[in-house]
Amino acid sequence: MGNYMQYIEVNPKIMFGKPVVRGTRITVELILEELGAGKMTDDLIKAHPKLRKETIWAALKFAADAIKGERTYPLAV
């Protein structure tokens, strides 16, 4: 995908510093929640016309990198 940070911005003046799609107030969090709820990329684009497939993939890559190796989660026993 190349440099996904060309699509994602973190700015404390926008959405309290949450990562957003550059030039919008659409958070990476919202994209993940919508996809996790079963929405398809085309549904997201229809609901948020400023999104493109590239920006959705960038949000996923950003989220993956954000959690990669930073924390461990205990397994429920």
PDB file of N, CA and C in Angstrom:
ATOM      1  N   MET A   1       0.813  -1.189   0.000  1.00  0.00           N
ATOM      2  CA  MET A   1       0.000   0.000   0.000  1.00  0.00           C
ATOM      3  C   MET A   1       0.853   1.248   0.000  1.00  0.00           C
ATOM      4  N   GLY A   2       2.132   1.110   0.204  1.00  0.00           N
ATOM      5  CA  GLY A   2       2.942   2.319   0.270  1.00  0.00           C
ATOM      6  C   GLY A   2       2.866   2.933   1.658  1.00  0.00           C
ATOM      7  N   ASN A   3       3.025   4.227   1.743  1.00  0.00           N
ATOM      8  CA  ASN A   3       3.019   4.916   3.020  1.00  0.00           C
ATOM      9  C   ASN A   3       1.592   5.259   3.430  1.00  0.00           C
ATOM     10  N   TYR A   4       1.042   4.464   4.320  1.00  0.00           N
ATOM     11  CA  TYR A   4      -0.344   4.695   4.733  1.00  0.00           C
ATOM     12  C   TYR A   4      -0.509   6.001   5.500  1.00  0.00           C
ATOM     13  N   MET A   5       0.581   6.552   6.042  1.00  0.00           N
ATOM     14  CA  MET A   5       0.471   7.802   6.789  1.00  0.00           C
ATOM     15  C   MET A   5       0.140   8.989   5.881  1.00  0.00           C
ATOM     16  N   GLN A   6       0.223   8.805   4.577  1.00  0.00           N
ATOM     17  CA  GLN A   6      -0.234   9.885   3.697  1.00  0.00           C
ATOM     18  C   GLN A   6      -1.752  10.026   3.768  1.00  0.00           C
ATOM     19  N   TYR A   7      -2.423   9.005   4.288  1.00  0.00           N
ATOM     20  CA  TYR A   7      -3.882   9.019   4.404  1.00  0.00           C
ATOM     21  C   TYR A   7      -4.376   9.261   5.824  1.00  0.00           C
ATOM     22  N   ILE A   8      -3.522   9.029   6.813  1.00  0.00           N
ATOM     23  CA  ILE A   8      -3.924   9.120   8.221  1.00  0.00           C
ATOM     24  C   ILE A   8      -3.191  10.281   8.886  1.00  0.00           C
ATOM     25  N   GLU A   9      -3.918  11.006   9.720  1.00  0.00           N
ATOM     26  CA  GLU A   9      -3.356  12.168  10.396  1.00  0.00           C
ATOM     27  C   GLU A   9      -3.672  12.085  11.890  1.00  0.00           C
ATOM     28  N   VAL A  10      -2.702  12.461  12.714  1.00  0.00           N
ATOM     29  CA  VAL A  10      -2.915  12.565  14.155  1.00  0.00           C
ATOM     30  C   VAL A  10      -2.563  13.993  14.532  1.00  0.00           C
ATOM     31  N   ASN A  11      -3.588  14.736  14.946  1.00  0.00           N
ATOM     32  CA  ASN A  11      -3.407  16.151  15.260  1.00  0.00           C
ATOM     33  C   ASN A  11      -4.237  16.451  16.504  1.00  0.00           C
ATOM     34  N   PRO A  12      -3.616  16.955  17.571  1.00  0.00           N
ATOM     35  CA  PRO A  12      -4.380  17.201  18.796  1.00  0.00           C
ATOM     36  C   PRO A  12      -5.525  18.193  18.622  1.00  0.00           C
ATOM     37  N   LYS A  13      -5.526  18.956  17.549  1.00  0.00           N
ATOM     38  CA  LYS A  13      -6.597  19.923  17.305  1.00  0.00           C
ATOM     39  C   LYS A  13      -7.785  19.318  16.549  1.00  0.00           C
ATOM     40  N   ILE A  14      -7.639  18.070  16.101  1.00  0.00           N
ATOM     41  CA  ILE A  14      -8.707  17.400  15.354  1.00  0.00           C
ATOM     42  C   ILE A  14      -9.152  16.163  16.133  1.00  0.00           C
ATOM     43  N   MET A  15     -10.410  16.112  16.478  1.00  0.00           N
ATOM     44  CA  MET A  15     -11.004  14.966  17.181  1.00  0.00           C
ATOM     45  C   MET A  15     -10.182  14.550  18.407  1.00  0.00           C
ATOM     46  N   PHE A  16      -9.704  15.540  19.151  1.00  0.00           N
ATOM     47  CA  PHE A  16      -8.964  15.305  20.396  1.00  0.00           C
ATOM     48  C   PHE A  16      -7.705  14.472  20.190  1.00  0.00           C
ATOM     49  N   GLY A  17      -7.136  14.531  18.992  1.00  0.00           N
ATOM     50  CA  GLY A  17      -5.890  13.818  18.720  1.00  0.00           C
ATOM     51  C   GLY A  17      -6.060  12.375  18.287  1.00  0.00           C
ATOM     52  N   LYS A  18      -7.306  11.947  18.094  1.00  0.00           N
ATOM     53  CA  LYS A  18      -7.511  10.583  17.587  1.00  0.00           C
ATOM     54  C   LYS A  18      -7.042  10.534  16.142  1.00  0.00           C
ATOM     55  N   PRO A  19      -6.524   9.399  15.688  1.00  0.00           N
ATOM     56  CA  PRO A  19      -6.136   9.284  14.284  1.00  0.00           C
ATOM     57  C   PRO A  19      -7.368   9.387  13.381  1.00  0.00           C
ATOM     58  N   VAL A  20      -7.262  10.216  12.355  1.00  0.00           N
ATOM     59  CA  VAL A  20      -8.360  10.435  11.415  1.00  0.00           C
ATOM     60  C   VAL A  20      -7.847  10.292   9.986  1.00  0.00           C
ATOM     61  N   VAL A  21      -8.777  10.117   9.080  1.00  0.00           N
ATOM     62  CA  VAL A  21      -8.444  10.162   7.656  1.00  0.00           C
ATOM     63  C   VAL A  21      -8.102  11.615   7.347  1.00  0.00           C
ATOM     64  N   ARG A  22      -6.940  11.821   6.776  1.00  0.00           N
ATOM     65  CA  ARG A  22      -6.418  13.166   6.496  1.00  0.00           C
ATOM     66  C   ARG A  22      -7.466  14.011   5.775  1.00  0.00           C
ATOM     67  N   GLY A  23      -7.651  15.236   6.271  1.00  0.00           N
ATOM     68  CA  GLY A  23      -8.587  16.167   5.652  1.00  0.00           C
ATOM     69  C   GLY A  23     -10.037  15.956   6.042  1.00  0.00           C
ATOM     70  N   THR A  24     -10.281  15.033   7.002  1.00  0.00           N
ATOM     71  CA  THR A  24     -11.654  14.760   7.456  1.00  0.00           C
ATOM     72  C   THR A  24     -11.663  14.693   8.980  1.00  0.00           C
ATOM     73  N   ARG A  25     -12.835  14.447   9.509  1.00  0.00           N
ATOM     74  CA  ARG A  25     -12.979  14.164  10.938  1.00  0.00           C
ATOM     75  C   ARG A  25     -13.427  12.711  11.116  1.00  0.00           C
ATOM     76  N   ILE A  26     -13.179  11.885  10.126  1.00  0.00           N
ATOM     77  CA  ILE A  26     -13.529  10.464  10.170  1.00  0.00           C
ATOM     78  C   ILE A  26     -12.388   9.726  10.869  1.00  0.00           C
ATOM     79  N   THR A  27     -12.687   9.162  12.039  1.00  0.00           N
ATOM     80  CA  THR A  27     -11.641   8.521  12.829  1.00  0.00           C
ATOM     81  C   THR A  27     -11.367   7.089  12.365  1.00  0.00           C
ATOM     82  N   VAL A  28     -10.138   6.672  12.617  1.00  0.00           N
ATOM     83  CA  VAL A  28      -9.769   5.271  12.385  1.00  0.00           C
ATOM     84  C   VAL A  28     -10.670   4.393  13.250  1.00  0.00           C
ATOM     85  N   GLU A  29     -10.948   4.843  14.451  1.00  0.00           N
ATOM     86  CA  GLU A  29     -11.823   4.114  15.363  1.00  0.00           C
ATOM     87  C   GLU A  29     -13.192   3.848  14.730  1.00  0.00           C
ATOM     88  N   LEU A  30     -13.786   4.862  14.116  1.00  0.00           N
ATOM     89  CA  LEU A  30     -15.095   4.697  13.469  1.00  0.00           C
ATOM     90  C   LEU A  30     -15.019   3.656  12.354  1.00  0.00           C
ATOM     91  N   ILE A  31     -13.978   3.740  11.549  1.00  0.00           N
ATOM     92  CA  ILE A  31     -13.822   2.784  10.443  1.00  0.00           C
ATOM     93  C   ILE A  31     -13.734   1.365  10.989  1.00  0.00           C
ATOM     94  N   LEU A  32     -12.934   1.156  12.036  1.00  0.00           N
ATOM     95  CA  LEU A  32     -12.798  -0.175  12.630  1.00  0.00           C
ATOM     96  C   LEU A  32     -14.115  -0.657  13.224  1.00  0.00           C
ATOM     97  N   GLU A  33     -14.810   0.229  13.919  1.00  0.00           N
ATOM     98  CA  GLU A  33     -16.102  -0.158  14.507  1.00  0.00           C
ATOM     99  C   GLU A  33     -17.102  -0.571  13.437  1.00  0.00           C
ATOM    100  N   GLU A  34     -17.170   0.205  12.372  1.00  0.00           N
ATOM    101  CA  GLU A  34     -18.126  -0.093  11.298  1.00  0.00           C
ATOM    102  C   GLU A  34     -17.786  -1.416  10.605  1.00  0.00           C
ATOM    103  N   LEU A  35     -16.519  -1.635  10.319  1.00  0.00           N
ATOM    104  CA  LEU A  35     -16.118  -2.897   9.696  1.00  0.00           C
ATOM    105  C   LEU A  35     -16.367  -4.061  10.647  1.00  0.00           C
ATOM    106  N   GLY A  36     -16.070  -3.849  11.928  1.00  0.00           N
ATOM    107  CA  GLY A  36     -16.301  -4.889  12.930  1.00  0.00           C
ATOM    108  C   GLY A  36     -17.769  -5.223  13.104  1.00  0.00           C
ATOM    109  N   ALA A  37     -18.642  -4.271  12.790  1.00  0.00           N
ATOM    110  CA  ALA A  37     -20.088  -4.494  12.879  1.00  0.00           C
ATOM    111  C   ALA A  37     -20.636  -5.167  11.617  1.00  0.00           C
ATOM    112  N   GLY A  38     -19.739  -5.444  10.663  1.00  0.00           N
ATOM    113  CA  GLY A  38     -20.168  -6.161   9.467  1.00  0.00           C
ATOM    114  C   GLY A  38     -20.394  -5.312   8.239  1.00  0.00           C
ATOM    115  N   LYS A  39     -20.169  -4.008   8.340  1.00  0.00           N
ATOM    116  CA  LYS A  39     -20.346  -3.174   7.151  1.00  0.00           C
ATOM    117  C   LYS A  39     -19.222  -3.457   6.155  1.00  0.00           C
ATOM    118  N   MET A  40     -19.556  -3.341   4.904  1.00  0.00           N
ATOM    119  CA  MET A  40     -18.581  -3.545   3.836  1.00  0.00           C
ATOM    120  C   MET A  40     -17.963  -2.198   3.476  1.00  0.00           C
ATOM    121  N   THR A  41     -16.819  -2.238   2.814  1.00  0.00           N
ATOM    122  CA  THR A  41     -16.146  -0.990   2.446  1.00  0.00           C
ATOM    123  C   THR A  41     -17.053  -0.107   1.598  1.00  0.00           C
ATOM    124  N   ASP A  42     -17.804  -0.692   0.699  1.00  0.00           N
ATOM    125  CA  ASP A  42     -18.712   0.105  -0.137  1.00  0.00           C
ATOM    126  C   ASP A  42     -19.780   0.811   0.699  1.00  0.00           C
ATOM    127  N   ASP A  43     -20.234   0.149   1.784  1.00  0.00           N
ATOM    128  CA  ASP A  43     -21.196   0.775   2.693  1.00  0.00           C
ATOM    129  C   ASP A  43     -20.583   2.004   3.363  1.00  0.00           C
ATOM    130  N   LEU A  44     -19.328   1.864   3.795  1.00  0.00           N
ATOM    131  CA  LEU A  44     -18.641   2.986   4.440  1.00  0.00           C
ATOM    132  C   LEU A  44     -18.470   4.151   3.477  1.00  0.00           C
ATOM    133  N   ILE A  45     -18.090   3.848   2.261  1.00  0.00           N
ATOM    134  CA  ILE A  45     -17.879   4.896   1.262  1.00  0.00           C
ATOM    135  C   ILE A  45     -19.191   5.602   0.943  1.00  0.00           C
ATOM    136  N   LYS A  46     -20.258   4.842   0.886  1.00  0.00           N
ATOM    137  CA  LYS A  46     -21.571   5.438   0.619  1.00  0.00           C
ATOM    138  C   LYS A  46     -21.991   6.360   1.772  1.00  0.00           C
ATOM    139  N   ALA A  47     -21.732   5.933   3.009  1.00  0.00           N
ATOM    140  CA  ALA A  47     -22.101   6.726   4.182  1.00  0.00           C
ATOM    141  C   ALA A  47     -21.169   7.923   4.392  1.00  0.00           C
ATOM    142  N   HIS A  48     -19.929   7.794   3.943  1.00  0.00           N
ATOM    143  CA  HIS A  48     -18.910   8.835   4.134  1.00  0.00           C
ATOM    144  C   HIS A  48     -18.196   9.055   2.800  1.00  0.00           C
ATOM    145  N   PRO A  49     -18.767   9.863   1.919  1.00  0.00           N
ATOM    146  CA  PRO A  49     -18.238  10.009   0.551  1.00  0.00           C
ATOM    147  C   PRO A  49     -16.778  10.463   0.450  1.00  0.00           C
ATOM    148  N   LYS A  50     -16.210  11.018   1.521  1.00  0.00           N
ATOM    149  CA  LYS A  50     -14.796  11.405   1.464  1.00  0.00           C
ATOM    150  C   LYS A  50     -13.864  10.214   1.616  1.00  0.00           C
ATOM    151  N   LEU A  51     -14.400   9.069   2.043  1.00  0.00           N
ATOM    152  CA  LEU A  51     -13.579   7.860   2.148  1.00  0.00           C
ATOM    153  C   LEU A  51     -13.374   7.245   0.768  1.00  0.00           C
ATOM    154  N   ARG A  52     -12.244   6.567   0.630  1.00  0.00           N
ATOM    155  CA  ARG A  52     -11.953   5.745  -0.547  1.00  0.00           C
ATOM    156  C   ARG A  52     -11.430   4.416  -0.018  1.00  0.00           C
ATOM    157  N   LYS A  53     -11.380   3.437  -0.877  1.00  0.00           N
ATOM    158  CA  LYS A  53     -10.864   2.137  -0.422  1.00  0.00           C
ATOM    159  C   LYS A  53      -9.451   2.279   0.126  1.00  0.00           C
ATOM    160  N   GLU A  54      -8.642   3.125  -0.498  1.00  0.00           N
ATOM    161  CA  GLU A  54      -7.263   3.310  -0.038  1.00  0.00           C
ATOM    162  C   GLU A  54      -7.217   3.857   1.387  1.00  0.00           C
ATOM    163  N   THR A  55      -8.148   4.750   1.724  1.00  0.00           N
ATOM    164  CA  THR A  55      -8.128   5.319   3.068  1.00  0.00           C
ATOM    165  C   THR A  55      -8.602   4.295   4.101  1.00  0.00           C
ATOM    166  N   ILE A  56      -9.514   3.432   3.709  1.00  0.00           N
ATOM    167  CA  ILE A  56      -9.972   2.367   4.609  1.00  0.00           C
ATOM    168  C   ILE A  56      -8.839   1.384   4.858  1.00  0.00           C
ATOM    169  N   TRP A  57      -8.120   0.991   3.813  1.00  0.00           N
ATOM    170  CA  TRP A  57      -6.978   0.071   3.981  1.00  0.00           C
ATOM    171  C   TRP A  57      -5.899   0.726   4.833  1.00  0.00           C
ATOM    172  N   ALA A  58      -5.698   2.023   4.641  1.00  0.00           N
ATOM    173  CA  ALA A  58      -4.705   2.748   5.440  1.00  0.00           C
ATOM    174  C   ALA A  58      -5.094   2.735   6.919  1.00  0.00           C
ATOM    175  N   ALA A  59      -6.381   2.905   7.210  1.00  0.00           N
ATOM    176  CA  ALA A  59      -6.848   2.861   8.597  1.00  0.00           C
ATOM    177  C   ALA A  59      -6.587   1.494   9.214  1.00  0.00           C
ATOM    178  N   LEU A  60      -6.822   0.439   8.450  1.00  0.00           N
ATOM    179  CA  LEU A  60      -6.562  -0.916   8.943  1.00  0.00           C
ATOM    180  C   LEU A  60      -5.074  -1.125   9.202  1.00  0.00           C
ATOM    181  N   LYS A  61      -4.239  -0.680   8.299  1.00  0.00           N
ATOM    182  CA  LYS A  61      -2.787  -0.818   8.463  1.00  0.00           C
ATOM    183  C   LYS A  61      -2.316  -0.008   9.668  1.00  0.00           C
ATOM    184  N   PHE A  62      -2.826   1.210   9.829  1.00  0.00           N
ATOM    185  CA  PHE A  62      -2.481   2.045  10.978  1.00  0.00           C
ATOM    186  C   PHE A  62      -2.835   1.309  12.274  1.00  0.00           C
ATOM    187  N   ALA A  63      -4.038   0.766  12.348  1.00  0.00           N
ATOM    188  CA  ALA A  63      -4.487   0.070  13.554  1.00  0.00           C
ATOM    189  C   ALA A  63      -3.624  -1.157  13.832  1.00  0.00           C
ATOM    190  N   ALA A  64      -3.292  -1.904  12.798  1.00  0.00           N
ATOM    191  CA  ALA A  64      -2.445  -3.089  12.972  1.00  0.00           C
ATOM    192  C   ALA A  64      -1.082  -2.691  13.521  1.00  0.00           C
ATOM    193  N   ASP A  65      -0.498  -1.655  12.957  1.00  0.00           N
ATOM    194  CA  ASP A  65       0.802  -1.196  13.430  1.00  0.00           C
ATOM    195  C   ASP A  65       0.722  -0.653  14.851  1.00  0.00           C
ATOM    196  N   ALA A  66      -0.400  -0.034  15.201  1.00  0.00           N
ATOM    197  CA  ALA A  66      -0.561   0.553  16.532  1.00  0.00           C
ATOM    198  C   ALA A  66      -0.567  -0.512  17.623  1.00  0.00           C
ATOM    199  N   ILE A  67      -1.086  -1.697  17.323  1.00  0.00           N
ATOM    200  CA  ILE A  67      -1.155  -2.733  18.360  1.00  0.00           C
ATOM    201  C   ILE A  67      -0.051  -3.772  18.238  1.00  0.00           C
ATOM    202  N   LYS A  68       0.700  -3.720  17.191  1.00  0.00           N
ATOM    203  CA  LYS A  68       1.746  -4.719  16.950  1.00  0.00           C
ATOM    204  C   LYS A  68       2.802  -4.685  18.053  1.00  0.00           C
ATOM    205  N   GLY A  69       2.869  -5.742  18.807  1.00  0.00           N
ATOM    206  CA  GLY A  69       3.943  -5.926  19.768  1.00  0.00           C
ATOM    207  C   GLY A  69       3.973  -4.963  20.936  1.00  0.00           C
ATOM    208  N   GLU A  70       2.993  -4.094  21.076  1.00  0.00           N
ATOM    209  CA  GLU A  70       3.053  -3.130  22.161  1.00  0.00           C
ATOM    210  C   GLU A  70       2.439  -3.647  23.456  1.00  0.00           C
ATOM    211  N   ARG A  71       1.493  -4.550  23.350  1.00  0.00           N
ATOM    212  CA  ARG A  71       0.828  -5.062  24.549  1.00  0.00           C
ATOM    213  C   ARG A  71       0.639  -6.551  24.424  1.00  0.00           C
ATOM    214  N   THR A  72       0.521  -7.177  25.570  1.00  0.00           N
ATOM    215  CA  THR A  72       0.097  -8.569  25.582  1.00  0.00           C
ATOM    216  C   THR A  72      -1.241  -8.603  26.302  1.00  0.00           C
ATOM    217  N   TYR A  73      -2.080  -9.507  25.890  1.00  0.00           N
ATOM    218  CA  TYR A  73      -3.408  -9.624  26.470  1.00  0.00           C
ATOM    219  C   TYR A  73      -3.527 -11.002  27.108  1.00  0.00           C
ATOM    220  N   PRO A  74      -3.850 -11.066  28.409  1.00  0.00           N
ATOM    221  CA  PRO A  74      -3.953 -12.370  29.076  1.00  0.00           C
ATOM    222  C   PRO A  74      -5.134 -13.153  28.510  1.00  0.00           C
ATOM    223  N   LEU A  75      -4.931 -14.443  28.426  1.00  0.00           N
ATOM    224  CA  LEU A  75      -6.007 -15.320  27.958  1.00  0.00           C
ATOM    225  C   LEU A  75      -6.944 -15.630  29.113  1.00  0.00           C
ATOM    226  N   ALA A  76      -8.222 -15.660  28.817  1.00  0.00           N
ATOM    227  CA  ALA A  76      -9.194 -16.048  29.838  1.00  0.00           C
ATOM    228  C   ALA A  76      -9.050 -17.538  30.098  1.00  0.00           C
ATOM    229  N   VAL A  77      -9.036 -17.916  31.351  1.00  0.00           N
ATOM    230  CA  VAL A  77      -8.864 -19.330  31.689  1.00  0.00           C
ATOM    231  C   VAL A  77     -10.124 -19.877  32.283  1.00  0.00           C
TER     232      VAL A  77
END
